[in-house]
Amino acid sequence: MPSLTSTTNAQSATSIGERIALKPTSITIVRAGSAIAAQTVRLETLASQRAVVGNGGITYQCDALLLGYKNHPTVTDSNIQAGDRFKAGGISYEVIIVLPAHVDCIQAYLLVRS
């Protein structure tokens, strides 16, 4: 008989999978110059754009969050690492950090590159 914790984690992973399926985006990650297999995730913009002043002048950035599968009963875990890059809807993204300690999903903080 599964423990209460494992049942709760499996139910949570399934629930998060349903949230991803409500607004899915297929991405192909480029890691170390090579593309890896396409996967489905959910992307959400976290804030409006902001001006950043650098050596080349002013540039505009905004941040986003990626929600991916982990420990889902029927979907393979998302394969996301810091430094990964991908495009979705003509916009370039870079994975800044994969947030640790989530047992039921992959959450990654993204920088919108274009």
C-alpha atoms as a PDB file:
ATOM      1  CA  MET A   1       0.000   0.000   0.000  1.00  0.00           C
ATOM      2  CA  PRO A   2       1.505   3.405  -0.955  1.00  0.00           C
ATOM      3  CA  SER A   3       2.204   5.908   1.756  1.00  0.00           C
ATOM      4  CA  LEU A   4       0.053   8.999   2.126  1.00  0.00           C
ATOM      5  CA  THR A   5       2.993  11.136   0.970  1.00  0.00           C
ATOM      6  CA  SER A   6       3.543   9.192  -2.272  1.00  0.00           C
ATOM      7  CA  THR A   7      -0.184   9.223  -3.015  1.00  0.00           C
ATOM      8  CA  THR A   8      -0.306  12.972  -2.420  1.00  0.00           C
ATOM      9  CA  ASN A   9       2.770  13.532  -4.629  1.00  0.00           C
ATOM     10  CA  ALA A  10       1.292  11.416  -7.449  1.00  0.00           C
ATOM     11  CA  GLN A  11      -2.018  13.251  -7.232  1.00  0.00           C
ATOM     12  CA  SER A  12      -0.204  16.580  -7.216  1.00  0.00           C
ATOM     13  CA  ALA A  13       1.901  15.614 -10.264  1.00  0.00           C
ATOM     14  CA  THR A  14      -1.298  14.629 -12.095  1.00  0.00           C
ATOM     15  CA  SER A  15      -2.974  17.906 -11.125  1.00  0.00           C
ATOM     16  CA  ILE A  16       0.017  19.906 -12.351  1.00  0.00           C
ATOM     17  CA  GLY A  17      -0.058  17.890 -15.590  1.00  0.00           C
ATOM     18  CA  GLU A  18      -3.643  19.031 -16.059  1.00  0.00           C
ATOM     19  CA  ARG A  19      -2.530  22.670 -15.599  1.00  0.00           C
ATOM     20  CA  ILE A  20       0.197  22.214 -18.225  1.00  0.00           C
ATOM     21  CA  ALA A  21      -2.368  20.688 -20.608  1.00  0.00           C
ATOM     22  CA  LEU A  22      -4.604  23.764 -20.276  1.00  0.00           C
ATOM     23  CA  LYS A  23      -1.934  25.956 -21.888  1.00  0.00           C
ATOM     24  CA  PRO A  24       0.670  23.698 -23.506  1.00  0.00           C
ATOM     25  CA  THR A  25       3.702  24.879 -25.444  1.00  0.00           C
ATOM     26  CA  SER A  26       5.974  22.524 -27.379  1.00  0.00           C
ATOM     27  CA  ILE A  27       9.648  23.482 -27.088  1.00  0.00           C
ATOM     28  CA  THR A  28      12.888  22.101 -28.474  1.00  0.00           C
ATOM     29  CA  ILE A  29      15.783  22.909 -26.176  1.00  0.00           C
ATOM     30  CA  VAL A  30      19.253  23.649 -27.458  1.00  0.00           C
ATOM     31  CA  ARG A  31      21.841  22.471 -24.926  1.00  0.00           C
ATOM     32  CA  ALA A  32      25.564  22.823 -25.616  1.00  0.00           C
ATOM     33  CA  GLY A  33      24.797  23.479 -29.302  1.00  0.00           C
ATOM     34  CA  SER A  34      22.620  20.375 -29.788  1.00  0.00           C
ATOM     35  CA  ALA A  35      18.838  20.146 -29.946  1.00  0.00           C
ATOM     36  CA  ILE A  36      17.147  17.631 -27.668  1.00  0.00           C
ATOM     37  CA  ALA A  37      13.753  16.010 -28.239  1.00  0.00           C
ATOM     38  CA  ALA A  38      10.704  18.293 -28.227  1.00  0.00           C
ATOM     39  CA  GLN A  39       8.740  18.409 -24.993  1.00  0.00           C
ATOM     40  CA  THR A  40       5.556  20.026 -23.769  1.00  0.00           C
ATOM     41  CA  VAL A  41       5.645  22.600 -20.975  1.00  0.00           C
ATOM     42  CA  ARG A  42       3.654  25.607 -19.795  1.00  0.00           C
ATOM     43  CA  LEU A  43       5.151  29.103 -20.049  1.00  0.00           C
ATOM     44  CA  GLU A  44       3.986  32.093 -18.040  1.00  0.00           C
ATOM     45  CA  THR A  45       5.277  35.653 -18.124  1.00  0.00           C
ATOM     46  CA  LEU A  46       6.081  36.848 -14.602  1.00  0.00           C
ATOM     47  CA  ALA A  47       6.273  40.601 -15.069  1.00  0.00           C
ATOM     48  CA  SER A  48       6.058  43.326 -17.628  1.00  0.00           C
ATOM     49  CA  GLN A  49       9.218  44.394 -19.390  1.00  0.00           C
ATOM     50  CA  ARG A  50      11.794  46.572 -17.680  1.00  0.00           C
ATOM     51  CA  ALA A  51      14.608  48.739 -18.980  1.00  0.00           C
ATOM     52  CA  VAL A  52      18.140  47.578 -18.206  1.00  0.00           C
ATOM     53  CA  VAL A  53      21.056  49.932 -18.804  1.00  0.00           C
ATOM     54  CA  GLY A  54      24.250  48.279 -19.988  1.00  0.00           C
ATOM     55  CA  ASN A  55      27.433  49.103 -21.911  1.00  0.00           C
ATOM     56  CA  GLY A  56      25.530  48.990 -25.207  1.00  0.00           C
ATOM     57  CA  GLY A  57      22.759  51.309 -24.017  1.00  0.00           C
ATOM     58  CA  ILE A  58      19.275  50.485 -22.872  1.00  0.00           C
ATOM     59  CA  THR A  59      17.782  47.066 -23.488  1.00  0.00           C
ATOM     60  CA  TYR A  60      14.452  45.652 -22.370  1.00  0.00           C
ATOM     61  CA  GLN A  61      13.933  42.388 -20.510  1.00  0.00           C
ATOM     62  CA  CYS A  62      11.154  40.431 -18.883  1.00  0.00           C
ATOM     63  CA  ASP A  63      11.061  37.185 -16.966  1.00  0.00           C
ATOM     64  CA  ALA A  64       9.029  34.028 -17.317  1.00  0.00           C
ATOM     65  CA  LEU A  65       8.379  30.736 -15.544  1.00  0.00           C
ATOM     66  CA  LEU A  66       8.416  27.291 -17.111  1.00  0.00           C
ATOM     67  CA  LEU A  67       6.260  24.563 -15.582  1.00  0.00           C
ATOM     68  CA  GLY A  68       7.186  21.040 -16.615  1.00  0.00           C
ATOM     69  CA  TYR A  69       6.351  17.444 -15.802  1.00  0.00           C
ATOM     70  CA  LYS A  70       7.973  15.499 -12.949  1.00  0.00           C
ATOM     71  CA  ASN A  71       6.824  12.182 -11.490  1.00  0.00           C
ATOM     72  CA  HIS A  72       3.658  12.215 -13.605  1.00  0.00           C
ATOM     73  CA  PRO A  73       2.166   8.709 -13.943  1.00  0.00           C
ATOM     74  CA  THR A  74       1.951   8.786 -17.776  1.00  0.00           C
ATOM     75  CA  VAL A  75       4.212  11.608 -19.040  1.00  0.00           C
ATOM     76  CA  THR A  76       8.013  11.541 -19.153  1.00  0.00           C
ATOM     77  CA  ASP A  77       9.739  14.065 -16.890  1.00  0.00           C
ATOM     78  CA  SER A  78      10.673  17.339 -18.552  1.00  0.00           C
ATOM     79  CA  ASN A  79      14.380  17.641 -19.334  1.00  0.00           C
ATOM     80  CA  ILE A  80      15.347  21.201 -18.342  1.00  0.00           C
ATOM     81  CA  GLN A  81      18.706  22.541 -17.122  1.00  0.00           C
ATOM     82  CA  ALA A  82      20.158  25.950 -16.336  1.00  0.00           C
ATOM     83  CA  GLY A  83      21.717  27.413 -19.486  1.00  0.00           C
ATOM     84  CA  ASP A  84      19.249  25.721 -21.849  1.00  0.00           C
ATOM     85  CA  ARG A  85      17.825  27.908 -24.612  1.00  0.00           C
ATOM     86  CA  PHE A  86      14.715  27.542 -26.728  1.00  0.00           C
ATOM     87  CA  LYS A  87      12.220  29.493 -28.813  1.00  0.00           C
ATOM     88  CA  ALA A  88       8.465  29.546 -28.445  1.00  0.00           C
ATOM     89  CA  GLY A  89       6.140  31.712 -30.478  1.00  0.00           C
ATOM     90  CA  GLY A  90       9.117  33.468 -32.084  1.00  0.00           C
ATOM     91  CA  ILE A  91      10.527  34.513 -28.696  1.00  0.00           C
ATOM     92  CA  SER A  92      13.877  33.292 -27.352  1.00  0.00           C
ATOM     93  CA  TYR A  93      14.208  32.098 -23.758  1.00  0.00           C
ATOM     94  CA  GLU A  94      17.133  31.112 -21.545  1.00  0.00           C
ATOM     95  CA  VAL A  95      16.771  28.953 -18.440  1.00  0.00           C
ATOM     96  CA  ILE A  96      18.401  30.814 -15.547  1.00  0.00           C
ATOM     97  CA  ILE A  97      17.693  28.332 -12.747  1.00  0.00           C
ATOM     98  CA  VAL A  98      15.686  25.179 -12.186  1.00  0.00           C
ATOM     99  CA  LEU A  99      14.083  25.619  -8.790  1.00  0.00           C
ATOM    100  CA  PRO A 100      15.020  22.763  -6.437  1.00  0.00           C
ATOM    101  CA  ALA A 101      12.903  20.699  -4.073  1.00  0.00           C
ATOM    102  CA  HIS A 102       9.784  20.218  -6.189  1.00  0.00           C
ATOM    103  CA  VAL A 103       8.721  16.567  -6.174  1.00  0.00           C
ATOM    104  CA  ASP A 104       5.677  16.979  -8.407  1.00  0.00           C
ATOM    105  CA  CYS A 105       6.815  19.346 -11.166  1.00  0.00           C
ATOM    106  CA  ILE A 106       9.760  21.103 -12.779  1.00  0.00           C
ATOM    107  CA  GLN A 107       9.786  24.857 -12.246  1.00  0.00           C
ATOM    108  CA  ALA A 108      12.386  26.981 -13.994  1.00  0.00           C
ATOM    109  CA  TYR A 109      12.978  30.721 -13.973  1.00  0.00           C
ATOM    110  CA  LEU A 110      13.542  32.076 -17.506  1.00  0.00           C
ATOM    111  CA  LEU A 111      14.963  35.193 -19.051  1.00  0.00           C
ATOM    112  CA  VAL A 112      13.183  36.326 -22.204  1.00  0.00           C
ATOM    113  CA  ARG A 113      16.032  36.947 -24.653  1.00  0.00           C
ATOM    114  CA  SER A 114      14.296  38.878 -27.425  1.00  0.00           C
END
